[in-house]
Amino acid sequence: MTELLYYPGNEYQKEFDSEVSKAREVDGYICLKETLFYKEGGGQPADHGKISWNGKKAQVTDVQKEHGEIRHYIEGDFPEPGQEVHGEIDWERRYKHMRMHTAQHVLSWIALEEYDATTAGNQIHEDQSRIDFKPVEFDEEDVEKIEREANALIEKGLEVSKKEMARDLVEERLTEGRTNLDLIPDSIDPLRVVVIGEDDICPCGGTHVDSIDEIGKINIVNRVSKGANVERLEFELEE
């Protein structure tokens, strides 16, 4: 099994060394004994980057968990099993996802606190992201309030901690509606959680910044009705 070097709270490391544990050139992927590359999941895209060894190199174009394996899909030269490699993540892409994902947590927290709106789904991208909320019907004043309160919270510069926590403790501390623990198999214990300040706690496997002031300013750029009592907010970030 691949060791996830970014887990539970090491998102800022950019390079690492590892060994190829499996290579399937016909399918275009390799597995590593340990990796910094984030696999796609939780609405967050996979990391990109490159690996190099003995004067050869390959681009990492996708990372997926499939059949219990963390598969790094690569283009370029192809290493053999047992080969020592050096990996470098695309830091600009990773950091944009970190800021976006933490911004999503802030918006979801505000919407729950102010409107009792739960997060039904989200999709993180580098330049623009979205969150679906239910059951709720926002108007323009609601959207402006969510944006205003989110940015006021960001200015406080609250710490963002990422750690493992016993499942029963998470259940005790989790605000009702913050996430649906029933979707996480009971066998996963402890849970990796993201905690903003001392109040917002949410199970999440994504990559996040260490302080919410790294997010910058949130601009909610669009509101879309997605059906009965489901609202989508699309947002961008300023530096």
C-alpha atoms as a PDB file:
ATOM      1  CA  MET A   1       0.000   0.000   0.000  1.00  0.00           C
ATOM      2  CA  THR A   2       1.282   3.447  -0.909  1.00  0.00           C
ATOM      3  CA  GLU A   3       2.183   5.730   2.006  1.00  0.00           C
ATOM      4  CA  LEU A   4       0.608   9.176   1.535  1.00  0.00           C
ATOM      5  CA  LEU A   5       3.326  11.639   2.496  1.00  0.00           C
ATOM      6  CA  TYR A   6       0.979  14.650   2.486  1.00  0.00           C
ATOM      7  CA  TYR A   7      -1.284  12.959   5.039  1.00  0.00           C
ATOM      8  CA  PRO A   8      -2.557  14.023   7.497  1.00  0.00           C
ATOM      9  CA  GLY A   9      -1.077  17.538   7.456  1.00  0.00           C
ATOM     10  CA  ASN A  10       2.037  17.775   5.274  1.00  0.00           C
ATOM     11  CA  GLU A  11       0.630  19.611   2.256  1.00  0.00           C
ATOM     12  CA  TYR A  12       3.534  22.047   1.810  1.00  0.00           C
ATOM     13  CA  GLN A  13       6.279  19.552   0.887  1.00  0.00           C
ATOM     14  CA  LYS A  14       6.963  19.788  -2.832  1.00  0.00           C
ATOM     15  CA  GLU A  15       9.530  17.045  -3.600  1.00  0.00           C
ATOM     16  CA  PHE A  16      10.174  13.489  -2.444  1.00  0.00           C
ATOM     17  CA  ASP A  17      12.057  10.295  -3.212  1.00  0.00           C
ATOM     18  CA  SER A  18      10.405   6.922  -3.600  1.00  0.00           C
ATOM     19  CA  GLU A  19      10.610   3.516  -5.243  1.00  0.00           C
ATOM     20  CA  VAL A  20       8.427   2.132  -8.014  1.00  0.00           C
ATOM     21  CA  SER A  21       6.456  -0.784  -6.584  1.00  0.00           C
ATOM     22  CA  LYS A  22       4.512  -1.589  -9.756  1.00  0.00           C
ATOM     23  CA  ALA A  23       4.730  -0.537 -13.387  1.00  0.00           C
ATOM     24  CA  ARG A  24       2.058  -1.163 -16.036  1.00  0.00           C
ATOM     25  CA  GLU A  25       3.322   0.499 -19.194  1.00  0.00           C
ATOM     26  CA  VAL A  26       0.488  -0.990 -21.257  1.00  0.00           C
ATOM     27  CA  ASP A  27      -1.982   0.847 -19.005  1.00  0.00           C
ATOM     28  CA  GLY A  28       0.180   3.923 -18.569  1.00  0.00           C
ATOM     29  CA  TYR A  29       0.571   3.922 -14.794  1.00  0.00           C
ATOM     30  CA  ILE A  30       2.979   3.193 -11.977  1.00  0.00           C
ATOM     31  CA  CYS A  31       2.547   2.710  -8.233  1.00  0.00           C
ATOM     32  CA  LEU A  32       5.017   4.103  -5.695  1.00  0.00           C
ATOM     33  CA  LYS A  33       5.916   2.957  -2.195  1.00  0.00           C
ATOM     34  CA  GLU A  34       5.240   6.503  -0.974  1.00  0.00           C
ATOM     35  CA  THR A  35       3.929   9.612  -2.702  1.00  0.00           C
ATOM     36  CA  LEU A  36       3.207  13.312  -2.284  1.00  0.00           C
ATOM     37  CA  PHE A  37       0.802  13.299  -5.232  1.00  0.00           C
ATOM     38  CA  TYR A  38      -2.813  13.819  -4.195  1.00  0.00           C
ATOM     39  CA  LYS A  39      -5.220  11.357  -5.763  1.00  0.00           C
ATOM     40  CA  GLU A  40      -8.473  12.728  -7.132  1.00  0.00           C
ATOM     41  CA  GLY A  41     -11.267  12.633  -4.562  1.00  0.00           C
ATOM     42  CA  GLY A  42     -13.686  14.644  -2.458  1.00  0.00           C
ATOM     43  CA  GLY A  43     -14.365  17.049  -5.296  1.00  0.00           C
ATOM     44  CA  GLN A  44     -10.655  17.883  -5.629  1.00  0.00           C
ATOM     45  CA  PRO A  45      -8.666  17.036  -8.779  1.00  0.00           C
ATOM     46  CA  ALA A  46      -5.455  15.055  -8.669  1.00  0.00           C
ATOM     47  CA  ASP A  47      -2.040  16.655  -8.430  1.00  0.00           C
ATOM     48  CA  HIS A  48       0.147  16.905 -11.508  1.00  0.00           C
ATOM     49  CA  GLY A  49       3.934  17.001 -11.631  1.00  0.00           C
ATOM     50  CA  LYS A  50       6.896  14.915 -12.734  1.00  0.00           C
ATOM     51  CA  ILE A  51       9.193  12.085 -11.753  1.00  0.00           C
ATOM     52  CA  SER A  52      12.818  11.655 -12.771  1.00  0.00           C
ATOM     53  CA  TRP A  53      15.532   8.994 -12.512  1.00  0.00           C
ATOM     54  CA  ASN A  54      18.906   8.331 -14.133  1.00  0.00           C
ATOM     55  CA  GLY A  55      18.533  11.147 -16.654  1.00  0.00           C
ATOM     56  CA  LYS A  56      15.026  10.063 -17.607  1.00  0.00           C
ATOM     57  CA  LYS A  57      11.737  11.737 -16.747  1.00  0.00           C
ATOM     58  CA  ALA A  58       7.975  11.488 -17.065  1.00  0.00           C
ATOM     59  CA  GLN A  59       5.043  13.807 -16.476  1.00  0.00           C
ATOM     60  CA  VAL A  60       2.439  12.758 -13.908  1.00  0.00           C
ATOM     61  CA  THR A  61      -0.859  13.633 -15.596  1.00  0.00           C
ATOM     62  CA  ASP A  62      -3.366  11.985 -13.246  1.00  0.00           C
ATOM     63  CA  VAL A  63      -3.508  10.108  -9.939  1.00  0.00           C
ATOM     64  CA  GLN A  64      -6.388   7.772  -9.090  1.00  0.00           C
ATOM     65  CA  LYS A  65      -7.201   5.197  -6.444  1.00  0.00           C
ATOM     66  CA  GLU A  66      -8.293   2.102  -8.349  1.00  0.00           C
ATOM     67  CA  HIS A  67      -8.614  -1.476  -7.099  1.00  0.00           C
ATOM     68  CA  GLY A  68      -6.999  -0.441  -3.825  1.00  0.00           C
ATOM     69  CA  GLU A  69      -3.931   1.047  -5.556  1.00  0.00           C
ATOM     70  CA  ILE A  70      -2.742   4.640  -5.913  1.00  0.00           C
ATOM     71  CA  ARG A  71      -2.029   4.751  -9.634  1.00  0.00           C
ATOM     72  CA  HIS A  72       0.131   7.515 -11.088  1.00  0.00           C
ATOM     73  CA  TYR A  73      -0.602   7.913 -14.791  1.00  0.00           C
ATOM     74  CA  ILE A  74       2.487   9.143 -16.594  1.00  0.00           C
ATOM     75  CA  GLU A  75       3.644  10.300 -20.022  1.00  0.00           C
ATOM     76  CA  GLY A  76       7.264  10.092 -21.154  1.00  0.00           C
ATOM     77  CA  ASP A  77       9.913   7.591 -20.123  1.00  0.00           C
ATOM     78  CA  PHE A  78       8.735   4.580 -18.132  1.00  0.00           C
ATOM     79  CA  PRO A  79      10.557   3.253 -15.039  1.00  0.00           C
ATOM     80  CA  GLU A  80      10.836  -0.398 -14.054  1.00  0.00           C
ATOM     81  CA  PRO A  81       9.665  -1.850 -10.720  1.00  0.00           C
ATOM     82  CA  GLY A  82      12.319  -1.291  -8.053  1.00  0.00           C
ATOM     83  CA  GLN A  83      13.571   1.921  -9.671  1.00  0.00           C
ATOM     84  CA  GLU A  84      14.331   4.782  -7.280  1.00  0.00           C
ATOM     85  CA  VAL A  85      12.677   7.970  -8.516  1.00  0.00           C
ATOM     86  CA  HIS A  86      12.485  11.630  -7.518  1.00  0.00           C
ATOM     87  CA  GLY A  87       9.051  13.238  -7.576  1.00  0.00           C
ATOM     88  CA  GLU A  88       8.074  16.891  -7.848  1.00  0.00           C
ATOM     89  CA  ILE A  89       4.505  18.101  -7.633  1.00  0.00           C
ATOM     90  CA  ASP A  90       3.178  21.033  -9.655  1.00  0.00           C
ATOM     91  CA  TRP A  91       3.168  23.373  -6.670  1.00  0.00           C
ATOM     92  CA  GLU A  92       1.229  26.199  -8.335  1.00  0.00           C
ATOM     93  CA  ARG A  93      -1.628  23.818  -9.125  1.00  0.00           C
ATOM     94  CA  ARG A  94      -1.500  22.180  -5.668  1.00  0.00           C
ATOM     95  CA  TYR A  95      -1.535  25.516  -3.833  1.00  0.00           C
ATOM     96  CA  LYS A  96      -4.498  26.805  -5.833  1.00  0.00           C
ATOM     97  CA  HIS A  97      -6.403  23.654  -4.901  1.00  0.00           C
ATOM     98  CA  MET A  98      -5.396  24.070  -1.241  1.00  0.00           C
ATOM     99  CA  ARG A  99      -6.724  27.627  -1.144  1.00  0.00           C
ATOM    100  CA  MET A 100      -9.885  26.701  -3.035  1.00  0.00           C
ATOM    101  CA  HIS A 101     -10.663  23.689  -0.876  1.00  0.00           C
ATOM    102  CA  THR A 102     -10.245  25.623   2.359  1.00  0.00           C
ATOM    103  CA  ALA A 103     -12.415  28.401   0.906  1.00  0.00           C
ATOM    104  CA  GLN A 104     -15.084  25.785   0.243  1.00  0.00           C
ATOM    105  CA  HIS A 105     -14.966  24.780   3.906  1.00  0.00           C
ATOM    106  CA  VAL A 106     -15.366  28.413   4.978  1.00  0.00           C
ATOM    107  CA  LEU A 107     -18.364  28.976   2.693  1.00  0.00           C
ATOM    108  CA  SER A 108     -19.966  25.698   3.758  1.00  0.00           C
ATOM    109  CA  TRP A 109     -19.494  26.646   7.414  1.00  0.00           C
ATOM    110  CA  ILE A 110     -21.081  30.091   6.933  1.00  0.00           C
ATOM    111  CA  ALA A 111     -24.024  28.719   4.929  1.00  0.00           C
ATOM    112  CA  LEU A 112     -24.735  26.102   7.598  1.00  0.00           C
ATOM    113  CA  GLU A 113     -24.486  28.579  10.463  1.00  0.00           C
ATOM    114  CA  GLU A 114     -26.610  31.284   8.828  1.00  0.00           C
ATOM    115  CA  TYR A 115     -29.108  29.320   6.727  1.00  0.00           C
ATOM    116  CA  ASP A 116     -28.975  25.741   8.034  1.00  0.00           C
ATOM    117  CA  ALA A 117     -27.883  24.763   4.522  1.00  0.00           C
ATOM    118  CA  THR A 118     -25.906  21.550   4.186  1.00  0.00           C
ATOM    119  CA  THR A 119     -23.302  20.960   1.505  1.00  0.00           C
ATOM    120  CA  ALA A 120     -24.703  18.497  -1.019  1.00  0.00           C
ATOM    121  CA  GLY A 121     -21.605  18.452  -3.228  1.00  0.00           C
ATOM    122  CA  ASN A 122     -18.654  20.495  -4.399  1.00  0.00           C
ATOM    123  CA  GLN A 123     -16.110  20.634  -7.206  1.00  0.00           C
ATOM    124  CA  ILE A 124     -12.734  22.297  -6.782  1.00  0.00           C
ATOM    125  CA  HIS A 125     -10.823  23.784  -9.740  1.00  0.00           C
ATOM    126  CA  GLU A 126      -7.783  26.031 -10.021  1.00  0.00           C
ATOM    127  CA  ASP A 127      -9.623  29.170 -11.131  1.00  0.00           C
ATOM    128  CA  GLN A 128     -13.278  28.688 -10.197  1.00  0.00           C
ATOM    129  CA  SER A 129     -15.073  26.257  -7.905  1.00  0.00           C
ATOM    130  CA  ARG A 130     -18.645  25.460  -6.909  1.00  0.00           C
ATOM    131  CA  ILE A 131     -20.712  24.223  -3.973  1.00  0.00           C
ATOM    132  CA  ASP A 132     -24.262  22.841  -3.998  1.00  0.00           C
ATOM    133  CA  PHE A 133     -26.369  23.570  -0.902  1.00  0.00           C
ATOM    134  CA  LYS A 134     -29.654  22.096   0.294  1.00  0.00           C
ATOM    135  CA  PRO A 135     -32.375  22.525   1.432  1.00  0.00           C
ATOM    136  CA  VAL A 136     -32.297  26.254   0.771  1.00  0.00           C
ATOM    137  CA  GLU A 137     -33.328  29.007  -1.613  1.00  0.00           C
ATOM    138  CA  PHE A 138     -30.882  31.916  -1.624  1.00  0.00           C
ATOM    139  CA  ASP A 139     -31.632  35.393  -2.926  1.00  0.00           C
ATOM    140  CA  GLU A 140     -29.022  37.967  -3.944  1.00  0.00           C
ATOM    141  CA  GLU A 141     -28.919  39.490  -0.462  1.00  0.00           C
ATOM    142  CA  ASP A 142     -28.223  36.048   1.001  1.00  0.00           C
ATOM    143  CA  VAL A 143     -25.350  35.516  -1.412  1.00  0.00           C
ATOM    144  CA  GLU A 144     -23.879  38.918  -0.573  1.00  0.00           C
ATOM    145  CA  LYS A 145     -24.137  38.123   3.145  1.00  0.00           C
ATOM    146  CA  ILE A 146     -22.406  34.752   2.751  1.00  0.00           C
ATOM    147  CA  GLU A 147     -19.580  36.370   0.778  1.00  0.00           C
ATOM    148  CA  ARG A 148     -19.235  39.236   3.250  1.00  0.00           C
ATOM    149  CA  GLU A 149     -19.166  37.006   6.326  1.00  0.00           C
ATOM    150  CA  ALA A 150     -16.771  34.533   4.716  1.00  0.00           C
ATOM    151  CA  ASN A 151     -14.288  37.301   3.918  1.00  0.00           C
ATOM    152  CA  ALA A 152     -14.646  38.797   7.395  1.00  0.00           C
ATOM    153  CA  LEU A 153     -13.817  35.391   8.837  1.00  0.00           C
ATOM    154  CA  ILE A 154     -10.809  35.016   6.536  1.00  0.00           C
ATOM    155  CA  GLU A 155      -9.410  38.316   7.814  1.00  0.00           C
ATOM    156  CA  LYS A 156      -9.206  36.782  11.293  1.00  0.00           C
ATOM    157  CA  GLY A 157      -6.470  34.455  10.040  1.00  0.00           C
ATOM    158  CA  LEU A 158      -7.701  31.403  11.932  1.00  0.00           C
ATOM    159  CA  GLU A 159      -5.422  28.365  12.031  1.00  0.00           C
ATOM    160  CA  VAL A 160      -6.356  25.360   9.914  1.00  0.00           C
ATOM    161  CA  SER A 161      -5.234  22.094  11.495  1.00  0.00           C
ATOM    162  CA  LYS A 162      -5.320  18.717   9.774  1.00  0.00           C
ATOM    163  CA  LYS A 163      -5.118  15.630  11.943  1.00  0.00           C
ATOM    164  CA  GLU A 164      -6.498  12.190  12.655  1.00  0.00           C
ATOM    165  CA  MET A 165      -9.252  11.919  15.250  1.00  0.00           C
ATOM    166  CA  ALA A 166     -11.158   8.977  16.699  1.00  0.00           C
ATOM    167  CA  ARG A 167     -14.478   8.549  14.947  1.00  0.00           C
ATOM    168  CA  ASP A 168     -16.550   8.692  18.141  1.00  0.00           C
ATOM    169  CA  LEU A 169     -14.890  11.988  19.082  1.00  0.00           C
ATOM    170  CA  VAL A 170     -15.634  13.408  15.631  1.00  0.00           C
ATOM    171  CA  GLU A 171     -19.261  12.386  16.028  1.00  0.00           C
ATOM    172  CA  GLU A 172     -19.412  14.210  19.370  1.00  0.00           C
ATOM    173  CA  ARG A 173     -17.901  17.442  18.039  1.00  0.00           C
ATOM    174  CA  LEU A 174     -19.407  17.562  14.560  1.00  0.00           C
ATOM    175  CA  THR A 175     -22.082  20.207  14.000  1.00  0.00           C
ATOM    176  CA  GLU A 176     -25.289  18.628  12.733  1.00  0.00           C
ATOM    177  CA  GLY A 177     -25.500  18.993   8.966  1.00  0.00           C
ATOM    178  CA  ARG A 178     -21.772  19.787   8.511  1.00  0.00           C
ATOM    179  CA  THR A 179     -21.193  16.496   6.691  1.00  0.00           C
ATOM    180  CA  ASN A 180     -22.834  13.116   6.269  1.00  0.00           C
ATOM    181  CA  LEU A 181     -20.749  10.648   8.261  1.00  0.00           C
ATOM    182  CA  ASP A 182     -22.984   7.821   7.052  1.00  0.00           C
ATOM    183  CA  LEU A 183     -21.235   8.072   3.681  1.00  0.00           C
ATOM    184  CA  ILE A 184     -17.886   7.244   5.306  1.00  0.00           C
ATOM    185  CA  PRO A 185     -17.533   3.492   5.979  1.00  0.00           C
ATOM    186  CA  ASP A 186     -17.552   2.550   9.666  1.00  0.00           C
ATOM    187  CA  SER A 187     -14.253   0.741   9.121  1.00  0.00           C
ATOM    188  CA  ILE A 188     -12.474   4.098   8.657  1.00  0.00           C
ATOM    189  CA  ASP A 189     -11.381   4.996  12.169  1.00  0.00           C
ATOM    190  CA  PRO A 190      -9.648   7.284  13.003  1.00  0.00           C
ATOM    191  CA  LEU A 191     -10.892   9.925  10.567  1.00  0.00           C
ATOM    192  CA  ARG A 192      -8.763  12.612   9.024  1.00  0.00           C
ATOM    193  CA  VAL A 193     -10.368  15.943   9.922  1.00  0.00           C
ATOM    194  CA  VAL A 194      -9.858  19.581   8.988  1.00  0.00           C
ATOM    195  CA  VAL A 195     -10.416  22.012  11.862  1.00  0.00           C
ATOM    196  CA  ILE A 196     -10.727  25.779  11.329  1.00  0.00           C
ATOM    197  CA  GLY A 197     -10.049  27.691  14.516  1.00  0.00           C
ATOM    198  CA  GLU A 198     -11.767  25.868  17.355  1.00  0.00           C
ATOM    199  CA  ASP A 199     -15.296  25.717  15.964  1.00  0.00           C
ATOM    200  CA  ASP A 200     -15.500  24.173  12.500  1.00  0.00           C
ATOM    201  CA  ILE A 201     -14.563  20.510  12.198  1.00  0.00           C
ATOM    202  CA  CYS A 202     -15.128  18.446   9.090  1.00  0.00           C
ATOM    203  CA  PRO A 203     -13.884  15.013   7.965  1.00  0.00           C
ATOM    204  CA  CYS A 204     -11.974  15.583   4.728  1.00  0.00           C
ATOM    205  CA  GLY A 205      -9.082  13.967   2.898  1.00  0.00           C
ATOM    206  CA  GLY A 206      -8.222  16.968   0.707  1.00  0.00           C
ATOM    207  CA  THR A 207      -5.267  19.338   0.835  1.00  0.00           C
ATOM    208  CA  HIS A 208      -5.651  22.623   2.723  1.00  0.00           C
ATOM    209  CA  VAL A 209      -3.731  25.743   3.728  1.00  0.00           C
ATOM    210  CA  ASP A 210      -2.479  26.202   7.300  1.00  0.00           C
ATOM    211  CA  SER A 211      -4.246  29.537   7.886  1.00  0.00           C
ATOM    212  CA  ILE A 212      -7.425  30.853   6.307  1.00  0.00           C
ATOM    213  CA  ASP A 213      -5.846  34.215   5.477  1.00  0.00           C
ATOM    214  CA  GLU A 214      -3.883  32.353   2.783  1.00  0.00           C
ATOM    215  CA  ILE A 215      -7.185  31.961   0.923  1.00  0.00           C
ATOM    216  CA  GLY A 216      -7.305  35.601  -0.105  1.00  0.00           C
ATOM    217  CA  LYS A 217     -10.658  37.186  -0.911  1.00  0.00           C
ATOM    218  CA  ILE A 218     -13.630  35.071  -1.974  1.00  0.00           C
ATOM    219  CA  ASN A 219     -15.783  36.393  -4.811  1.00  0.00           C
ATOM    220  CA  ILE A 220     -19.074  34.571  -5.367  1.00  0.00           C
ATOM    221  CA  VAL A 221     -19.585  35.050  -9.091  1.00  0.00           C
ATOM    222  CA  ASN A 222     -22.779  33.120  -9.782  1.00  0.00           C
ATOM    223  CA  ARG A 223     -25.836  31.545  -8.180  1.00  0.00           C
ATOM    224  CA  VAL A 224     -27.701  28.772  -9.992  1.00  0.00           C
ATOM    225  CA  SER A 225     -30.871  26.955  -8.955  1.00  0.00           C
ATOM    226  CA  LYS A 226     -30.311  23.214  -9.362  1.00  0.00           C
ATOM    227  CA  GLY A 227     -33.851  22.117  -8.577  1.00  0.00           C
ATOM    228  CA  ALA A 228     -36.162  22.090  -5.580  1.00  0.00           C
ATOM    229  CA  ASN A 229     -34.351  23.702  -2.645  1.00  0.00           C
ATOM    230  CA  VAL A 230     -30.881  23.152  -4.140  1.00  0.00           C
ATOM    231  CA  GLU A 231     -28.681  26.181  -4.805  1.00  0.00           C
ATOM    232  CA  ARG A 232     -25.254  26.252  -6.457  1.00  0.00           C
ATOM    233  CA  LEU A 233     -22.753  28.967  -5.637  1.00  0.00           C
ATOM    234  CA  GLU A 234     -19.766  29.441  -7.939  1.00  0.00           C
ATOM    235  CA  PHE A 235     -16.771  31.323  -6.591  1.00  0.00           C
ATOM    236  CA  GLU A 236     -13.308  32.599  -7.432  1.00  0.00           C
ATOM    237  CA  LEU A 237     -10.373  33.761  -5.291  1.00  0.00           C
ATOM    238  CA  GLU A 238      -8.279  36.904  -5.309  1.00  0.00           C
ATOM    239  CA  GLU A 239      -4.681  36.875  -4.069  1.00  0.00           C
END
